[in-house]
Each structure stands twice: as structure tokens, then as C-alpha cells.
């Protein structure tokens, strides 16, 4: 498990180190970079599905002004109300980019 505090929004991000390494190999996106999606004031959160008795969500946002990422994660619950667990992260698909950009319309 990895903890990192995003001091701008007081959120603790956590993840499994093995899953983070596998994600980096597969998608070329580090979870440390994925955290920056929450720094985008225009990021959106979209419900994905239930899996393994938990809700999965997509955060879609602009990172460093040049890259739109999609981050699959869980939302804070119960005692972990400030903790977001990152499950995977990748470059946004064309449809996800359109959804993100459509909020400006």
C-alpha cells in the first residue's frame, strides 16, 4: 500500500505497489502522475460499475496542461473518508476526452 497526501484537497491516495508497477508497464502511467487528475479543477467523476462488492469510479482530468488521463478508483467510505484507492490509470480514450471536453459547452 502506498500513501501520498495531496495537500490541495486533503486527500490521501493509496494503491498496491505491485498493481502500480503493472499499470506502469501496461499503460505507461505512474500512479503518482495519476494523482494530479484531482488537481484539475475541471476534472469529472463518473460511476463505472460495482466489482468485488465496491463501487468503481472514473476520474477524468487534465494533467500538467497537456494530458487527459482516466483514473479508475474507489471513493472514500466510512473511516477512510479522505482516502482514495487508485486501481488503474491510463490515457483517456477518445470518448472519455469528448466527455471531459463537453463540460465546457
N, C-alpha and C. Protein backbone atom coordinates (compact mmCIF):
# COMPACT_ATOMS: atom_id res chain seq x y z
N UNK A 1 0.85 -1.18 0.00
CA UNK A 1 0.00 0.00 0.00
C UNK A 1 0.88 1.23 0.00
N UNK A 2 0.50 2.24 -0.74
CA UNK A 2 1.27 3.48 -0.83
C UNK A 2 0.37 4.63 -0.45
N UNK A 3 0.81 5.47 0.44
CA UNK A 3 0.05 6.64 0.83
C UNK A 3 0.75 7.88 0.35
N UNK A 4 -0.02 8.83 -0.11
CA UNK A 4 0.53 10.12 -0.52
C UNK A 4 -0.55 11.15 -0.29
N UNK A 5 -0.18 12.27 0.29
CA UNK A 5 -1.15 13.29 0.62
C UNK A 5 -1.12 14.38 -0.44
N UNK A 6 -2.26 14.64 -1.03
CA UNK A 6 -2.44 15.77 -1.94
C UNK A 6 -2.92 16.92 -1.07
N UNK A 7 -2.02 17.81 -0.71
CA UNK A 7 -2.34 18.84 0.28
C UNK A 7 -3.35 19.85 -0.23
N UNK A 8 -3.54 19.96 -1.55
CA UNK A 8 -4.51 20.91 -2.07
C UNK A 8 -5.94 20.53 -1.71
N UNK A 9 -6.24 19.25 -1.63
CA UNK A 9 -7.61 18.83 -1.32
C UNK A 9 -7.67 17.91 -0.12
N UNK A 10 -6.59 17.72 0.57
CA UNK A 10 -6.53 16.89 1.77
C UNK A 10 -7.05 15.48 1.53
N UNK A 11 -6.59 14.89 0.46
CA UNK A 11 -6.96 13.53 0.11
C UNK A 11 -5.72 12.65 0.21
N UNK A 12 -5.91 11.48 0.77
CA UNK A 12 -4.83 10.50 0.83
C UNK A 12 -5.06 9.50 -0.30
N UNK A 13 -4.09 9.36 -1.17
CA UNK A 13 -4.16 8.38 -2.24
C UNK A 13 -3.40 7.14 -1.81
N UNK A 14 -3.97 5.98 -2.08
CA UNK A 14 -3.29 4.73 -1.76
C UNK A 14 -3.47 3.76 -2.91
N UNK A 15 -2.54 2.83 -2.97
CA UNK A 15 -2.59 1.81 -4.01
C UNK A 15 -1.68 0.67 -3.65
N UNK A 16 -1.85 -0.41 -4.36
CA UNK A 16 -1.00 -1.58 -4.23
C UNK A 16 0.23 -1.36 -5.12
N UNK A 17 1.42 -1.50 -4.54
CA UNK A 17 2.65 -1.25 -5.30
C UNK A 17 2.82 -2.19 -6.50
N UNK A 18 2.43 -3.46 -6.35
CA UNK A 18 2.52 -4.39 -7.48
C UNK A 18 1.59 -3.98 -8.61
N UNK A 19 0.38 -3.55 -8.25
CA UNK A 19 -0.58 -3.10 -9.26
C UNK A 19 -0.08 -1.83 -9.93
N UNK A 20 0.55 -0.95 -9.17
CA UNK A 20 1.11 0.29 -9.74
C UNK A 20 2.21 -0.02 -10.75
N UNK A 21 3.06 -0.98 -10.42
CA UNK A 21 4.14 -1.37 -11.34
C UNK A 21 3.57 -2.00 -12.61
N UNK A 22 2.56 -2.84 -12.45
CA UNK A 22 1.93 -3.46 -13.62
C UNK A 22 1.25 -2.41 -14.49
N UNK A 23 0.61 -1.43 -13.86
CA UNK A 23 -0.05 -0.36 -14.61
C UNK A 23 0.97 0.46 -15.40
N UNK A 24 2.11 0.73 -14.78
CA UNK A 24 3.16 1.49 -15.47
C UNK A 24 3.67 0.73 -16.70
N UNK A 25 3.84 -0.58 -16.56
CA UNK A 25 4.29 -1.40 -17.70
C UNK A 25 3.24 -1.42 -18.81
N UNK A 26 1.98 -1.58 -18.43
CA UNK A 26 0.91 -1.74 -19.42
C UNK A 26 0.48 -0.42 -20.06
N UNK A 27 0.29 0.63 -19.23
CA UNK A 27 -0.28 1.89 -19.72
C UNK A 27 0.71 3.04 -19.76
N UNK A 28 1.90 2.84 -19.21
CA UNK A 28 2.94 3.88 -19.17
C UNK A 28 2.49 5.11 -18.39
N UNK A 29 1.68 4.88 -17.35
CA UNK A 29 1.21 5.97 -16.48
C UNK A 29 1.48 5.57 -15.04
N UNK A 30 2.29 6.36 -14.35
CA UNK A 30 2.57 6.13 -12.94
C UNK A 30 1.41 6.63 -12.09
N UNK A 31 1.11 5.94 -11.01
CA UNK A 31 0.03 6.37 -10.14
C UNK A 31 0.34 7.73 -9.51
N UNK A 32 1.62 8.04 -9.31
CA UNK A 32 1.98 9.37 -8.79
C UNK A 32 1.53 10.46 -9.76
N UNK A 33 1.63 10.19 -11.05
CA UNK A 33 1.15 11.14 -12.06
C UNK A 33 -0.38 11.17 -12.06
N UNK A 34 -0.99 10.02 -11.90
CA UNK A 34 -2.46 9.92 -11.91
C UNK A 34 -3.09 10.76 -10.81
N UNK A 35 -2.43 10.88 -9.67
CA UNK A 35 -2.95 11.71 -8.57
C UNK A 35 -3.24 13.13 -9.03
N UNK A 36 -2.49 13.62 -9.99
CA UNK A 36 -2.61 15.01 -10.42
C UNK A 36 -3.93 15.30 -11.11
N UNK A 37 -4.69 14.27 -11.49
CA UNK A 37 -6.02 14.48 -12.06
C UNK A 37 -6.87 15.30 -11.09
N UNK A 38 -6.74 15.03 -9.79
CA UNK A 38 -7.54 15.73 -8.79
C UNK A 38 -7.13 17.19 -8.62
N UNK A 39 -5.97 17.56 -9.13
CA UNK A 39 -5.55 18.97 -9.10
C UNK A 39 -6.24 19.79 -10.18
N UNK A 40 -6.83 19.13 -11.16
CA UNK A 40 -7.55 19.82 -12.24
C UNK A 40 -8.92 20.23 -11.70
N UNK A 41 -9.19 21.54 -11.58
CA UNK A 41 -10.48 21.97 -11.04
C UNK A 41 -11.66 21.54 -11.92
N UNK A 42 -11.40 21.19 -13.16
CA UNK A 42 -12.47 20.77 -14.08
C UNK A 42 -12.59 19.25 -14.20
N UNK A 43 -11.84 18.49 -13.36
CA UNK A 43 -11.93 17.03 -13.50
C UNK A 43 -13.35 16.56 -13.21
N UNK A 44 -13.71 15.44 -13.81
CA UNK A 44 -15.04 14.89 -13.60
C UNK A 44 -14.92 13.50 -13.00
N UNK A 45 -15.95 13.12 -12.25
CA UNK A 45 -16.02 11.79 -11.64
C UNK A 45 -17.25 11.10 -12.22
N UNK A 46 -17.06 9.90 -12.77
CA UNK A 46 -18.12 9.17 -13.44
C UNK A 46 -18.20 7.77 -12.84
N UNK A 47 -19.43 7.34 -12.49
CA UNK A 47 -19.60 5.98 -11.98
C UNK A 47 -19.30 4.98 -13.09
N UNK A 48 -18.57 3.92 -12.73
CA UNK A 48 -18.23 2.88 -13.70
C UNK A 48 -19.06 1.63 -13.45
N UNK A 49 -18.83 0.97 -12.31
CA UNK A 49 -19.52 -0.29 -12.04
C UNK A 49 -19.26 -0.74 -10.60
N UNK A 50 -19.99 -1.79 -10.19
CA UNK A 50 -19.70 -2.49 -8.95
C UNK A 50 -18.80 -3.67 -9.28
N UNK A 51 -17.75 -3.85 -8.51
CA UNK A 51 -16.89 -5.00 -8.69
C UNK A 51 -16.33 -5.39 -7.32
N UNK A 52 -16.39 -6.67 -7.01
CA UNK A 52 -15.89 -7.16 -5.71
C UNK A 52 -16.52 -6.40 -4.55
N UNK A 53 -17.83 -6.18 -4.63
CA UNK A 53 -18.60 -5.51 -3.57
C UNK A 53 -18.17 -4.08 -3.30
N UNK A 54 -17.62 -3.40 -4.30
CA UNK A 54 -17.27 -1.99 -4.13
C UNK A 54 -17.59 -1.23 -5.40
N UNK A 55 -17.85 0.06 -5.22
CA UNK A 55 -18.11 0.92 -6.37
C UNK A 55 -16.80 1.32 -7.02
N UNK A 56 -16.77 1.26 -8.34
CA UNK A 56 -15.61 1.71 -9.11
C UNK A 56 -16.01 2.99 -9.85
N UNK A 57 -15.13 3.95 -9.82
CA UNK A 57 -15.38 5.25 -10.43
C UNK A 57 -14.25 5.61 -11.37
N UNK A 58 -14.54 6.47 -12.35
CA UNK A 58 -13.51 7.02 -13.24
C UNK A 58 -13.37 8.50 -12.92
N UNK A 59 -12.16 8.94 -12.69
CA UNK A 59 -11.85 10.37 -12.64
C UNK A 59 -11.17 10.70 -13.96
N UNK A 60 -11.67 11.72 -14.64
CA UNK A 60 -11.10 12.13 -15.92
C UNK A 60 -10.67 13.57 -15.78
N UNK A 61 -9.39 13.83 -16.04
CA UNK A 61 -8.91 15.19 -15.88
C UNK A 61 -7.62 15.46 -16.62
N UNK A 62 -7.32 16.74 -16.71
CA UNK A 62 -6.14 17.22 -17.42
C UNK A 62 -4.95 17.28 -16.46
N UNK A 63 -3.84 16.71 -16.87
CA UNK A 63 -2.63 16.68 -16.06
C UNK A 63 -1.55 17.50 -16.75
N UNK A 64 -0.97 18.40 -15.99
CA UNK A 64 0.11 19.25 -16.48
C UNK A 64 -0.25 20.02 -17.75
N UNK A 65 -1.53 20.25 -17.94
CA UNK A 65 -1.99 21.05 -19.06
C UNK A 65 -1.89 20.41 -20.43
N UNK A 66 -1.49 19.13 -20.49
CA UNK A 66 -1.28 18.51 -21.80
C UNK A 66 -1.85 17.11 -21.96
N UNK A 67 -2.15 16.42 -20.88
CA UNK A 67 -2.51 15.01 -20.96
C UNK A 67 -3.81 14.76 -20.21
N UNK A 68 -4.81 14.22 -20.89
CA UNK A 68 -6.06 13.85 -20.23
C UNK A 68 -5.96 12.39 -19.83
N UNK A 69 -6.08 12.14 -18.53
CA UNK A 69 -5.99 10.78 -18.00
C UNK A 69 -7.34 10.33 -17.46
N UNK A 70 -7.54 9.03 -17.46
CA UNK A 70 -8.66 8.40 -16.78
C UNK A 70 -8.08 7.53 -15.67
N UNK A 71 -8.59 7.74 -14.46
CA UNK A 71 -8.10 7.00 -13.30
C UNK A 71 -9.27 6.22 -12.70
N UNK A 72 -9.15 4.90 -12.68
CA UNK A 72 -10.15 4.06 -12.04
C UNK A 72 -9.81 4.01 -10.55
N UNK A 73 -10.83 4.26 -9.72
CA UNK A 73 -10.57 4.35 -8.28
C UNK A 73 -11.83 4.04 -7.48
N UNK A 74 -11.66 3.92 -6.19
CA UNK A 74 -12.79 3.84 -5.27
C UNK A 74 -12.92 5.19 -4.59
N UNK A 75 -14.13 5.48 -4.13
CA UNK A 75 -14.36 6.72 -3.39
C UNK A 75 -14.21 6.46 -1.90
N UNK A 76 -13.93 7.51 -1.14
CA UNK A 76 -13.81 7.34 0.31
C UNK A 76 -15.12 6.84 0.92
N UNK A 77 -14.99 5.96 1.90
CA UNK A 77 -16.16 5.47 2.63
C UNK A 77 -15.81 5.31 4.09
N UNK A 78 -16.81 5.41 4.95
CA UNK A 78 -16.64 5.13 6.36
C UNK A 78 -15.48 5.85 7.01
N UNK A 79 -14.63 5.08 7.68
CA UNK A 79 -13.48 5.64 8.39
C UNK A 79 -12.42 6.19 7.45
N UNK A 80 -12.47 5.79 6.19
CA UNK A 80 -11.49 6.24 5.20
C UNK A 80 -12.05 7.38 4.35
N UNK A 81 -12.72 8.34 4.99
CA UNK A 81 -13.43 9.37 4.23
C UNK A 81 -12.51 10.30 3.44
N UNK A 82 -11.21 10.26 3.69
CA UNK A 82 -10.27 11.08 2.92
C UNK A 82 -9.33 10.23 2.07
N UNK A 83 -9.63 8.95 1.93
CA UNK A 83 -8.73 8.04 1.25
C UNK A 83 -9.33 7.56 -0.07
N UNK A 84 -8.58 7.75 -1.16
CA UNK A 84 -8.97 7.26 -2.48
C UNK A 84 -7.96 6.20 -2.89
N UNK A 85 -8.48 5.01 -3.24
CA UNK A 85 -7.60 3.94 -3.70
C UNK A 85 -7.58 3.93 -5.22
N UNK A 86 -6.40 4.12 -5.79
CA UNK A 86 -6.24 4.08 -7.24
C UNK A 86 -6.07 2.63 -7.67
N UNK A 87 -6.86 2.24 -8.67
CA UNK A 87 -6.85 0.87 -9.17
C UNK A 87 -6.08 0.79 -10.48
N UNK A 88 -6.31 1.75 -11.38
CA UNK A 88 -5.57 1.80 -12.63
C UNK A 88 -5.62 3.22 -13.18
N UNK A 89 -4.72 3.52 -14.11
CA UNK A 89 -4.66 4.84 -14.73
C UNK A 89 -4.12 4.69 -16.15
N UNK A 90 -4.71 5.46 -17.05
CA UNK A 90 -4.31 5.38 -18.46
C UNK A 90 -4.69 6.67 -19.16
N UNK A 91 -4.16 6.83 -20.37
CA UNK A 91 -4.59 7.96 -21.19
C UNK A 91 -6.07 7.78 -21.51
N UNK A 92 -6.81 8.86 -21.50
CA UNK A 92 -8.24 8.81 -21.77
C UNK A 92 -8.50 8.37 -23.21
N UNK A 93 -9.57 7.62 -23.39
CA UNK A 93 -9.99 7.23 -24.74
C UNK A 93 -10.59 8.46 -25.44
N UNK A 94 -10.85 8.34 -26.72
CA UNK A 94 -11.46 9.44 -27.48
C UNK A 94 -12.82 9.81 -26.88
N UNK A 95 -13.63 8.82 -26.51
CA UNK A 95 -14.93 9.10 -25.91
C UNK A 95 -14.79 9.79 -24.56
N UNK A 96 -13.82 9.35 -23.76
CA UNK A 96 -13.60 9.99 -22.45
C UNK A 96 -13.12 11.43 -22.61
N UNK A 97 -12.26 11.67 -23.59
CA UNK A 97 -11.81 13.04 -23.86
C UNK A 97 -12.98 13.92 -24.26
N UNK A 98 -13.86 13.40 -25.12
CA UNK A 98 -15.04 14.16 -25.54
C UNK A 98 -15.93 14.49 -24.35
N UNK A 99 -16.12 13.51 -23.48
CA UNK A 99 -16.95 13.73 -22.29
C UNK A 99 -16.35 14.81 -21.40
N UNK A 100 -15.04 14.77 -21.22
CA UNK A 100 -14.35 15.78 -20.42
C UNK A 100 -14.48 17.15 -21.07
N UNK A 101 -14.23 17.22 -22.36
CA UNK A 101 -14.25 18.50 -23.07
C UNK A 101 -15.67 19.05 -23.23
N UNK A 102 -16.69 18.18 -23.20
CA UNK A 102 -18.08 18.61 -23.37
C UNK A 102 -18.57 19.47 -22.22
N UNK A 103 -17.93 19.39 -21.07
CA UNK A 103 -18.40 20.18 -19.94
C UNK A 103 -18.18 21.67 -20.16
N UNK A 104 -17.37 22.04 -21.16
CA UNK A 104 -17.17 23.45 -21.49
C UNK A 104 -18.30 24.01 -22.33
N UNK A 105 -19.13 23.11 -22.90
CA UNK A 105 -20.22 23.56 -23.77
C UNK A 105 -21.36 24.16 -22.98
